Amino acid sequence: PGFLPHLSGRRNLDLYWKATGRPAEDAHVEEALEIAGLGEALDRPVRTYSQGMRQRLALAQAMLGLPDLLLLDEPTNGLDPPQIREMREVMIAYAASGRTV
């Protein structure tokens, strides 16, 4: 996904959700962010993110609304081995909440 590099990760997610036209309370932003594990990076401009952090932000975006089924196309593409492990842990945490990845 394309993120606006001058905006924070949180602001990018907010704009994305508003564009869907769905009610804000259905976004479950905090839950998606907790699972994605971006922490304080959410308040920094996306242009300062590493590739792994951008992948996590994209995953958080996909998790907005907490869909029961999450289809991902090469979520670890371009990541180094430690980042791949972290991404798998994020997906396992999402699946542990009773959803399918």
PDB file of N, CA and C in Angstrom:
ATOM      1  N   PRO A   1       0.834  -1.201   0.000  1.00  0.00           N
ATOM      2  CA  PRO A   1       0.000   0.000   0.000  1.00  0.00           C
ATOM      3  C   PRO A   1       0.867   1.248   0.000  1.00  0.00           C
ATOM      4  N   GLY A   2       0.339   2.285  -0.551  1.00  0.00           N
ATOM      5  CA  GLY A   2       1.046   3.552  -0.554  1.00  0.00           C
ATOM      6  C   GLY A   2       0.655   4.377   0.657  1.00  0.00           C
ATOM      7  N   PHE A   3       1.644   4.799   1.391  1.00  0.00           N
ATOM      8  CA  PHE A   3       1.406   5.657   2.545  1.00  0.00           C
ATOM      9  C   PHE A   3       1.935   7.042   2.228  1.00  0.00           C
ATOM     10  N   LEU A   4       1.331   8.053   2.816  1.00  0.00           N
ATOM     11  CA  LEU A   4       1.811   9.414   2.643  1.00  0.00           C
ATOM     12  C   LEU A   4       3.019   9.592   3.556  1.00  0.00           C
ATOM     13  N   PRO A   5       4.218   9.759   2.991  1.00  0.00           N
ATOM     14  CA  PRO A   5       5.442   9.718   3.787  1.00  0.00           C
ATOM     15  C   PRO A   5       5.590  10.833   4.808  1.00  0.00           C
ATOM     16  N   HIS A   6       4.956  11.977   4.577  1.00  0.00           N
ATOM     17  CA  HIS A   6       5.102  13.093   5.505  1.00  0.00           C
ATOM     18  C   HIS A   6       4.163  12.994   6.705  1.00  0.00           C
ATOM     19  N   LEU A   7       3.214  12.065   6.651  1.00  0.00           N
ATOM     20  CA  LEU A   7       2.275  11.884   7.761  1.00  0.00           C
ATOM     21  C   LEU A   7       2.725  10.743   8.657  1.00  0.00           C
ATOM     22  N   SER A   8       2.256  10.767   9.893  1.00  0.00           N
ATOM     23  CA  SER A   8       2.580   9.687  10.828  1.00  0.00           C
ATOM     24  C   SER A   8       1.848   8.414  10.416  1.00  0.00           C
ATOM     25  N   GLY A   9       2.317   7.308  10.945  1.00  0.00           N
ATOM     26  CA  GLY A   9       1.646   6.041  10.686  1.00  0.00           C
ATOM     27  C   GLY A   9       0.198   6.076  11.140  1.00  0.00           C
ATOM     28  N   ARG A  10      -0.034   6.644  12.330  1.00  0.00           N
ATOM     29  CA  ARG A  10      -1.397   6.734  12.866  1.00  0.00           C
ATOM     30  C   ARG A  10      -2.291   7.560  11.944  1.00  0.00           C
ATOM     31  N   ARG A  11      -1.791   8.698  11.472  1.00  0.00           N
ATOM     32  CA  ARG A  11      -2.590   9.566  10.600  1.00  0.00           C
ATOM     33  C   ARG A  11      -2.887   8.864   9.272  1.00  0.00           C
ATOM     34  N   ASN A  12      -1.927   8.132   8.733  1.00  0.00           N
ATOM     35  CA  ASN A  12      -2.164   7.365   7.508  1.00  0.00           C
ATOM     36  C   ASN A  12      -3.291   6.361   7.709  1.00  0.00           C
ATOM     37  N   LEU A  13      -3.279   5.660   8.843  1.00  0.00           N
ATOM     38  CA  LEU A  13      -4.336   4.684   9.110  1.00  0.00           C
ATOM     39  C   LEU A  13      -5.687   5.366   9.278  1.00  0.00           C
ATOM     40  N   ASP A  14      -5.702   6.510   9.969  1.00  0.00           N
ATOM     41  CA  ASP A  14      -6.956   7.251  10.150  1.00  0.00           C
ATOM     42  C   ASP A  14      -7.536   7.684   8.807  1.00  0.00           C
ATOM     43  N   LEU A  15      -6.686   8.211   7.935  1.00  0.00           N
ATOM     44  CA  LEU A  15      -7.159   8.646   6.615  1.00  0.00           C
ATOM     45  C   LEU A  15      -7.678   7.467   5.796  1.00  0.00           C
ATOM     46  N   TYR A  16      -6.965   6.347   5.862  1.00  0.00           N
ATOM     47  CA  TYR A  16      -7.408   5.157   5.137  1.00  0.00           C
ATOM     48  C   TYR A  16      -8.800   4.742   5.609  1.00  0.00           C
ATOM     49  N   TRP A  17      -8.985   4.677   6.934  1.00  0.00           N
ATOM     50  CA  TRP A  17     -10.275   4.221   7.455  1.00  0.00           C
ATOM     51  C   TRP A  17     -11.386   5.191   7.081  1.00  0.00           C
ATOM     52  N   LYS A  18     -11.118   6.488   7.150  1.00  0.00           N
ATOM     53  CA  LYS A  18     -12.136   7.475   6.768  1.00  0.00           C
ATOM     54  C   LYS A  18     -12.536   7.291   5.310  1.00  0.00           C
ATOM     55  N   ALA A  19     -11.576   6.942   4.460  1.00  0.00           N
ATOM     56  CA  ALA A  19     -11.861   6.755   3.035  1.00  0.00           C
ATOM     57  C   ALA A  19     -12.785   5.568   2.783  1.00  0.00           C
ATOM     58  N   THR A  20     -12.834   4.612   3.730  1.00  0.00           N
ATOM     59  CA  THR A  20     -13.731   3.466   3.541  1.00  0.00           C
ATOM     60  C   THR A  20     -15.186   3.850   3.751  1.00  0.00           C
ATOM     61  N   GLY A  21     -15.414   4.962   4.458  1.00  0.00           N
ATOM     62  CA  GLY A  21     -16.774   5.405   4.725  1.00  0.00           C
ATOM     63  C   GLY A  21     -17.456   4.652   5.850  1.00  0.00           C
ATOM     64  N   ARG A  22     -16.732   3.772   6.505  1.00  0.00           N
ATOM     65  CA  ARG A  22     -17.314   2.998   7.605  1.00  0.00           C
ATOM     66  C   ARG A  22     -17.180   3.774   8.909  1.00  0.00           C
ATOM     67  N   PRO A  23     -18.039   3.492   9.887  1.00  0.00           N
ATOM     68  CA  PRO A  23     -17.993   4.215  11.164  1.00  0.00           C
ATOM     69  C   PRO A  23     -16.653   4.048  11.881  1.00  0.00           C
ATOM     70  N   ALA A  24     -16.188   5.122  12.503  1.00  0.00           N
ATOM     71  CA  ALA A  24     -14.888   5.122  13.190  1.00  0.00           C
ATOM     72  C   ALA A  24     -14.814   4.050  14.266  1.00  0.00           C
ATOM     73  N   GLU A  25     -15.923   3.805  14.970  1.00  0.00           N
ATOM     74  CA  GLU A  25     -15.891   2.814  16.054  1.00  0.00           C
ATOM     75  C   GLU A  25     -15.689   1.385  15.543  1.00  0.00           C
ATOM     76  N   ASP A  26     -15.927   1.157  14.255  1.00  0.00           N
ATOM     77  CA  ASP A  26     -15.718  -0.174  13.677  1.00  0.00           C
ATOM     78  C   ASP A  26     -14.258  -0.443  13.308  1.00  0.00           C
ATOM     79  N   ALA A  27     -13.417   0.578  13.362  1.00  0.00           N
ATOM     80  CA  ALA A  27     -12.024   0.425  12.929  1.00  0.00           C
ATOM     81  C   ALA A  27     -11.203  -0.426  13.888  1.00  0.00           C
ATOM     82  N   HIS A  28     -11.463  -0.315  15.193  1.00  0.00           N
ATOM     83  CA  HIS A  28     -10.669  -1.034  16.204  1.00  0.00           C
ATOM     84  C   HIS A  28      -9.183  -0.747  16.001  1.00  0.00           C
ATOM     85  N   VAL A  29      -8.868   0.526  15.821  1.00  0.00           N
ATOM     86  CA  VAL A  29      -7.496   0.945  15.526  1.00  0.00           C
ATOM     87  C   VAL A  29      -6.526   0.485  16.603  1.00  0.00           C
ATOM     88  N   GLU A  30      -6.875   0.708  17.852  1.00  0.00           N
ATOM     89  CA  GLU A  30      -5.938   0.379  18.932  1.00  0.00           C
ATOM     90  C   GLU A  30      -5.629  -1.116  18.975  1.00  0.00           C
ATOM     91  N   GLU A  31      -6.642  -1.948  18.744  1.00  0.00           N
ATOM     92  CA  GLU A  31      -6.406  -3.399  18.733  1.00  0.00           C
ATOM     93  C   GLU A  31      -5.475  -3.792  17.588  1.00  0.00           C
ATOM     94  N   ALA A  32      -5.728  -3.253  16.411  1.00  0.00           N
ATOM     95  CA  ALA A  32      -4.887  -3.568  15.250  1.00  0.00           C
ATOM     96  C   ALA A  32      -3.452  -3.107  15.493  1.00  0.00           C
ATOM     97  N   LEU A  33      -3.302  -1.938  16.091  1.00  0.00           N
ATOM     98  CA  LEU A  33      -1.965  -1.404  16.355  1.00  0.00           C
ATOM     99  C   LEU A  33      -1.236  -2.217  17.409  1.00  0.00           C
ATOM    100  N   GLU A  34      -1.967  -2.665  18.408  1.00  0.00           N
ATOM    101  CA  GLU A  34      -1.344  -3.485  19.451  1.00  0.00           C
ATOM    102  C   GLU A  34      -0.822  -4.794  18.862  1.00  0.00           C
ATOM    103  N   ILE A  35      -1.621  -5.417  18.014  1.00  0.00           N
ATOM    104  CA  ILE A  35      -1.201  -6.673  17.393  1.00  0.00           C
ATOM    105  C   ILE A  35       0.003  -6.431  16.479  1.00  0.00           C
ATOM    106  N   ALA A  36      -0.024  -5.337  15.711  1.00  0.00           N
ATOM    107  CA  ALA A  36       1.073  -5.042  14.781  1.00  0.00           C
ATOM    108  C   ALA A  36       2.357  -4.651  15.506  1.00  0.00           C
ATOM    109  N   GLY A  37       2.233  -4.130  16.720  1.00  0.00           N
ATOM    110  CA  GLY A  37       3.406  -3.834  17.536  1.00  0.00           C
ATOM    111  C   GLY A  37       4.297  -2.714  17.029  1.00  0.00           C
ATOM    112  N   LEU A  38       3.703  -1.611  16.586  1.00  0.00           N
ATOM    113  CA  LEU A  38       4.508  -0.492  16.102  1.00  0.00           C
ATOM    114  C   LEU A  38       4.949   0.457  17.214  1.00  0.00           C
ATOM    115  N   GLY A  39       4.280   0.431  18.342  1.00  0.00           N
ATOM    116  CA  GLY A  39       4.678   1.246  19.483  1.00  0.00           C
ATOM    117  C   GLY A  39       4.734   2.733  19.179  1.00  0.00           C
ATOM    118  N   GLU A  40       5.785   3.386  19.670  1.00  0.00           N
ATOM    119  CA  GLU A  40       5.925   4.834  19.536  1.00  0.00           C
ATOM    120  C   GLU A  40       6.176   5.283  18.099  1.00  0.00           C
ATOM    121  N   ALA A  41       6.541   4.367  17.235  1.00  0.00           N
ATOM    122  CA  ALA A  41       6.808   4.721  15.836  1.00  0.00           C
ATOM    123  C   ALA A  41       5.570   5.284  15.153  1.00  0.00           C
ATOM    124  N   LEU A  42       4.400   4.985  15.666  1.00  0.00           N
ATOM    125  CA  LEU A  42       3.158   5.442  15.047  1.00  0.00           C
ATOM    126  C   LEU A  42       3.069   6.948  14.934  1.00  0.00           C
ATOM    127  N   ASP A  43       3.752   7.648  15.819  1.00  0.00           N
ATOM    128  CA  ASP A  43       3.664   9.103  15.821  1.00  0.00           C
ATOM    129  C   ASP A  43       4.770   9.766  15.000  1.00  0.00           C
ATOM    130  N   ARG A  44       5.619   8.969  14.386  1.00  0.00           N
ATOM    131  CA  ARG A  44       6.686   9.499  13.528  1.00  0.00           C
ATOM    132  C   ARG A  44       6.237   9.472  12.071  1.00  0.00           C
ATOM    133  N   PRO A  45       6.805  10.355  11.243  1.00  0.00           N
ATOM    134  CA  PRO A  45       6.473  10.307   9.812  1.00  0.00           C
ATOM    135  C   PRO A  45       6.869   8.954   9.211  1.00  0.00           C
ATOM    136  N   VAL A  46       6.057   8.463   8.313  1.00  0.00           N
ATOM    137  CA  VAL A  46       6.300   7.161   7.684  1.00  0.00           C
ATOM    138  C   VAL A  46       7.635   7.148   6.943  1.00  0.00           C
ATOM    139  N   ARG A  47       8.085   8.284   6.448  1.00  0.00           N
ATOM    140  CA  ARG A  47       9.362   8.313   5.716  1.00  0.00           C
ATOM    141  C   ARG A  47      10.540   7.890   6.587  1.00  0.00           C
ATOM    142  N   THR A  48      10.372   7.907   7.918  1.00  0.00           N
ATOM    143  CA  THR A  48      11.452   7.500   8.826  1.00  0.00           C
ATOM    144  C   THR A  48      11.395   6.015   9.152  1.00  0.00           C
ATOM    145  N   TYR A  49      10.407   5.296   8.626  1.00  0.00           N
ATOM    146  CA  TYR A  49      10.221   3.882   8.939  1.00  0.00           C
ATOM    147  C   TYR A  49      11.187   3.007   8.144  1.00  0.00           C
ATOM    148  N   SER A  50      11.617   1.931   8.754  1.00  0.00           N
ATOM    149  CA  SER A  50      12.371   0.903   8.035  1.00  0.00           C
ATOM    150  C   SER A  50      11.387   0.102   7.178  1.00  0.00           C
ATOM    151  N   GLN A  51      11.918  -0.751   6.312  1.00  0.00           N
ATOM    152  CA  GLN A  51      11.056  -1.608   5.489  1.00  0.00           C
ATOM    153  C   GLN A  51      10.171  -2.485   6.374  1.00  0.00           C
ATOM    154  N   GLY A  52      10.741  -3.035   7.430  1.00  0.00           N
ATOM    155  CA  GLY A  52       9.974  -3.882   8.338  1.00  0.00           C
ATOM    156  C   GLY A  52       8.843  -3.131   9.018  1.00  0.00           C
ATOM    157  N   MET A  53       9.103  -1.890   9.397  1.00  0.00           N
ATOM    158  CA  MET A  53       8.062  -1.081  10.029  1.00  0.00           C
ATOM    159  C   MET A  53       6.958  -0.739   9.036  1.00  0.00           C
ATOM    160  N   ARG A  54       7.338  -0.497   7.792  1.00  0.00           N
ATOM    161  CA  ARG A  54       6.315  -0.225   6.769  1.00  0.00           C
ATOM    162  C   ARG A  54       5.446  -1.462   6.550  1.00  0.00           C
ATOM    163  N   GLN A  55       6.074  -2.637   6.581  1.00  0.00           N
ATOM    164  CA  GLN A  55       5.314  -3.879   6.435  1.00  0.00           C
ATOM    165  C   GLN A  55       4.339  -4.032   7.604  1.00  0.00           C
ATOM    166  N   ARG A  56       4.794  -3.711   8.817  1.00  0.00           N
ATOM    167  CA  ARG A  56       3.915  -3.791   9.990  1.00  0.00           C
ATOM    168  C   ARG A  56       2.764  -2.794   9.871  1.00  0.00           C
ATOM    169  N   LEU A  57       3.059  -1.601   9.367  1.00  0.00           N
ATOM    170  CA  LEU A  57       2.008  -0.606   9.179  1.00  0.00           C
ATOM    171  C   LEU A  57       0.995  -1.106   8.154  1.00  0.00           C
ATOM    172  N   ALA A  58       1.478  -1.718   7.086  1.00  0.00           N
ATOM    173  CA  ALA A  58       0.575  -2.280   6.076  1.00  0.00           C
ATOM    174  C   ALA A  58      -0.277  -3.390   6.679  1.00  0.00           C
ATOM    175  N   LEU A  59       0.317  -4.180   7.554  1.00  0.00           N
ATOM    176  CA  LEU A  59      -0.433  -5.240   8.217  1.00  0.00           C
ATOM    177  C   LEU A  59      -1.483  -4.644   9.154  1.00  0.00           C
ATOM    178  N   ALA A  60      -1.109  -3.598   9.883  1.00  0.00           N
ATOM    179  CA  ALA A  60      -2.078  -2.920  10.752  1.00  0.00           C
ATOM    180  C   ALA A  60      -3.230  -2.373   9.916  1.00  0.00           C
ATOM    181  N   GLN A  61      -2.918  -1.825   8.747  1.00  0.00           N
ATOM    182  CA  GLN A  61      -3.960  -1.311   7.861  1.00  0.00           C
ATOM    183  C   GLN A  61      -4.898  -2.441   7.437  1.00  0.00           C
ATOM    184  N   ALA A  62      -4.341  -3.589   7.104  1.00  0.00           N
ATOM    185  CA  ALA A  62      -5.162  -4.735   6.702  1.00  0.00           C
ATOM    186  C   ALA A  62      -6.021  -5.237   7.859  1.00  0.00           C
ATOM    187  N   MET A  63      -5.536  -5.057   9.088  1.00  0.00           N
ATOM    188  CA  MET A  63      -6.268  -5.542  10.257  1.00  0.00           C
ATOM    189  C   MET A  63      -7.329  -4.570  10.751  1.00  0.00           C
ATOM    190  N   LEU A  64      -7.364  -3.354  10.206  1.00  0.00           N
ATOM    191  CA  LEU A  64      -8.393  -2.410  10.637  1.00  0.00           C
ATOM    192  C   LEU A  64      -9.766  -3.025  10.409  1.00  0.00           C
ATOM    193  N   GLY A  65     -10.619  -2.874  11.362  1.00  0.00           N
ATOM    194  CA  GLY A  65     -11.932  -3.490  11.289  1.00  0.00           C
ATOM    195  C   GLY A  65     -11.927  -4.924  11.777  1.00  0.00           C
ATOM    196  N   LEU A  66     -10.749  -5.430  12.101  1.00  0.00           N
ATOM    197  CA  LEU A  66     -10.565  -6.794  12.605  1.00  0.00           C
ATOM    198  C   LEU A  66     -11.324  -7.831  11.782  1.00  0.00           C
ATOM    199  N   PRO A  67     -10.977  -7.966  10.498  1.00  0.00           N
ATOM    200  CA  PRO A  67     -11.675  -8.957   9.669  1.00  0.00           C
ATOM    201  C   PRO A  67     -11.422 -10.378  10.173  1.00  0.00           C
ATOM    202  N   ASP A  68     -12.416 -11.238  10.000  1.00  0.00           N
ATOM    203  CA  ASP A  68     -12.272 -12.635  10.421  1.00  0.00           C
ATOM    204  C   ASP A  68     -11.304 -13.397   9.522  1.00  0.00           C
ATOM    205  N   LEU A  69     -11.156 -12.942   8.287  1.00  0.00           N
ATOM    206  CA  LEU A  69     -10.253 -13.578   7.329  1.00  0.00           C
ATOM    207  C   LEU A  69      -9.288 -12.522   6.804  1.00  0.00           C
ATOM    208  N   LEU A  70      -8.000 -12.791   6.949  1.00  0.00           N
ATOM    209  CA  LEU A  70      -6.971 -11.854   6.510  1.00  0.00           C
ATOM    210  C   LEU A  70      -6.105 -12.546   5.462  1.00  0.00           C
ATOM    211  N   LEU A  71      -6.204 -12.085   4.214  1.00  0.00           N
ATOM    212  CA  LEU A  71      -5.402 -12.643   3.121  1.00  0.00           C
ATOM    213  C   LEU A  71      -4.229 -11.710   2.857  1.00  0.00           C
ATOM    214  N   LEU A  72      -3.032 -12.255   2.883  1.00  0.00           N
ATOM    215  CA  LEU A  72      -1.820 -11.460   2.697  1.00  0.00           C
ATOM    216  C   LEU A  72      -1.018 -12.013   1.529  1.00  0.00           C
ATOM    217  N   ASP A  73      -0.474 -11.128   0.725  1.00  0.00           N
ATOM    218  CA  ASP A  73       0.347 -11.528  -0.415  1.00  0.00           C
ATOM    219  C   ASP A  73       1.798 -11.181  -0.110  1.00  0.00           C
ATOM    220  N   GLU A  74       2.589 -12.180   0.180  1.00  0.00           N
ATOM    221  CA  GLU A  74       4.010 -12.036   0.471  1.00  0.00           C
ATOM    222  C   GLU A  74       4.294 -10.988   1.550  1.00  0.00           C
ATOM    223  N   PRO A  75       3.748 -11.169   2.745  1.00  0.00           N
ATOM    224  CA  PRO A  75       3.939 -10.166   3.809  1.00  0.00           C
ATOM    225  C   PRO A  75       5.375 -10.047   4.303  1.00  0.00           C
ATOM    226  N   THR A  76       6.220 -11.027   3.991  1.00  0.00           N
ATOM    227  CA  THR A  76       7.612 -10.962   4.445  1.00  0.00           C
ATOM    228  C   THR A  76       8.576 -10.592   3.318  1.00  0.00           C
ATOM    229  N   ASN A  77       8.039 -10.235   2.163  1.00  0.00           N
ATOM    230  CA  ASN A  77       8.881  -9.873   1.023  1.00  0.00           C
ATOM    231  C   ASN A  77       9.758  -8.663   1.368  1.00  0.00           C
ATOM    232  N   GLY A  78      11.058  -8.791   1.143  1.00  0.00           N
ATOM    233  CA  GLY A  78      11.974  -7.691   1.387  1.00  0.00           C
ATOM    234  C   GLY A  78      12.448  -7.554   2.819  1.00  0.00           C
ATOM    235  N   LEU A  79      12.063  -8.482   3.676  1.00  0.00           N
ATOM    236  CA  LEU A  79      12.463  -8.402   5.080  1.00  0.00           C
ATOM    237  C   LEU A  79      13.666  -9.295   5.351  1.00  0.00           C
ATOM    238  N   ASP A  80      14.464  -8.911   6.336  1.00  0.00           N
ATOM    239  CA  ASP A  80      15.586  -9.760   6.734  1.00  0.00           C
ATOM    240  C   ASP A  80      15.080 -10.804   7.735  1.00  0.00           C
ATOM    241  N   PRO A  81      15.867 -11.836   8.038  1.00  0.00           N
ATOM    242  CA  PRO A  81      15.389 -12.934   8.893  1.00  0.00           C
ATOM    243  C   PRO A  81      14.785 -12.509  10.243  1.00  0.00           C
ATOM    244  N   PRO A  82      15.393 -11.574  10.993  1.00  0.00           N
ATOM    245  CA  PRO A  82      14.744 -11.174  12.252  1.00  0.00           C
ATOM    246  C   PRO A  82      13.388 -10.503  12.020  1.00  0.00           C
ATOM    247  N   GLN A  83      13.281  -9.707  10.955  1.00  0.00           N
ATOM    248  CA  GLN A  83      12.009  -9.058  10.655  1.00  0.00           C
ATOM    249  C   GLN A  83      10.964 -10.076  10.208  1.00  0.00           C
ATOM    250  N   ILE A  84      11.392 -11.116   9.501  1.00  0.00           N
ATOM    251  CA  ILE A  84      10.466 -12.178   9.099  1.00  0.00           C
ATOM    252  C   ILE A  84       9.899 -12.860  10.337  1.00  0.00           C
ATOM    253  N   ARG A  85      10.769 -13.152  11.303  1.00  0.00           N
ATOM    254  CA  ARG A  85      10.318 -13.778  12.544  1.00  0.00           C
ATOM    255  C   ARG A  85       9.301 -12.880  13.258  1.00  0.00           C
ATOM    256  N   GLU A  86       9.590 -11.581  13.330  1.00  0.00           N
ATOM    257  CA  GLU A  86       8.673 -10.647  13.982  1.00  0.00           C
ATOM    258  C   GLU A  86       7.332 -10.595  13.255  1.00  0.00           C
ATOM    259  N   MET A  87       7.370 -10.593  11.929  1.00  0.00           N
ATOM    260  CA  MET A  87       6.135 -10.547  11.148  1.00  0.00           C
ATOM    261  C   MET A  87       5.313 -11.811  11.388  1.00  0.00           C
ATOM    262  N   ARG A  88       5.969 -12.944  11.460  1.00  0.00           N
ATOM    263  CA  ARG A  88       5.250 -14.195  11.743  1.00  0.00           C
ATOM    264  C   ARG A  88       4.611 -14.146  13.126  1.00  0.00           C
ATOM    265  N   GLU A  89       5.321 -13.569  14.096  1.00  0.00           N
ATOM    266  CA  GLU A  89       4.768 -13.449  15.447  1.00  0.00           C
ATOM    267  C   GLU A  89       3.522 -12.574  15.451  1.00  0.00           C
ATOM    268  N   VAL A  90       3.539 -11.509  14.655  1.00  0.00           N
ATOM    269  CA  VAL A  90       2.369 -10.631  14.547  1.00  0.00           C
ATOM    270  C   VAL A  90       1.189 -11.408  13.965  1.00  0.00           C
ATOM    271  N   MET A  91       1.437 -12.185  12.916  1.00  0.00           N
ATOM    272  CA  MET A  91       0.360 -12.960  12.289  1.00  0.00           C
ATOM    273  C   MET A  91      -0.166 -14.044  13.230  1.00  0.00           C
ATOM    274  N   ILE A  92       0.718 -14.657  13.995  1.00  0.00           N
ATOM    275  CA  ILE A  92       0.301 -15.668  14.974  1.00  0.00           C
ATOM    276  C   ILE A  92      -0.571 -15.030  16.042  1.00  0.00           C
ATOM    277  N   ALA A  93      -0.194 -13.830  16.502  1.00  0.00           N
ATOM    278  CA  ALA A  93      -0.993 -13.124  17.511  1.00  0.00           C
ATOM    279  C   ALA A  93      -2.384 -12.809  16.970  1.00  0.00           C
ATOM    280  N   TYR A  94      -2.470 -12.412  15.713  1.00  0.00           N
ATOM    281  CA  TYR A  94      -3.771 -12.113  15.110  1.00  0.00           C
ATOM    282  C   TYR A  94      -4.611 -13.383  15.029  1.00  0.00           C
ATOM    283  N   ALA A  95      -4.007 -14.467  14.605  1.00  0.00           N
ATOM    284  CA  ALA A  95      -4.727 -15.741  14.498  1.00  0.00           C
ATOM    285  C   ALA A  95      -5.148 -16.255  15.872  1.00  0.00           C
ATOM    286  N   ALA A  96      -4.356 -15.969  16.896  1.00  0.00           N
ATOM    287  CA  ALA A  96      -4.678 -16.436  18.249  1.00  0.00           C
ATOM    288  C   ALA A  96      -5.949 -15.794  18.782  1.00  0.00           C
ATOM    289  N   SER A  97      -6.364 -14.693  18.180  1.00  0.00           N
ATOM    290  CA  SER A  97      -7.592 -14.033  18.619  1.00  0.00           C
ATOM    291  C   SER A  97      -8.826 -14.637  17.950  1.00  0.00           C
ATOM    292  N   GLY A  98      -8.651 -15.801  17.298  1.00  0.00           N
ATOM    293  CA  GLY A  98      -9.786 -16.507  16.715  1.00  0.00           C
ATOM    294  C   GLY A  98     -10.048 -16.174  15.256  1.00  0.00           C
ATOM    295  N   ARG A  99      -9.095 -15.549  14.605  1.00  0.00           N
ATOM    296  CA  ARG A  99      -9.257 -15.176  13.205  1.00  0.00           C
ATOM    297  C   ARG A  99      -8.366 -16.050  12.321  1.00  0.00           C
ATOM    298  N   THR A 100      -8.612 -15.997  11.025  1.00  0.00           N
ATOM    299  CA  THR A 100      -7.852 -16.805  10.077  1.00  0.00           C
ATOM    300  C   THR A 100      -6.911 -15.918   9.276  1.00  0.00           C
ATOM    301  N   VAL A 101      -5.644 -16.332   9.207  1.00  0.00           N
ATOM    302  CA  VAL A 101      -4.647 -15.599   8.418  1.00  0.00           C
ATOM    303  C   VAL A 101      -4.179 -16.517   7.307  1.00  0.00           C
TER     304      VAL A 101
END
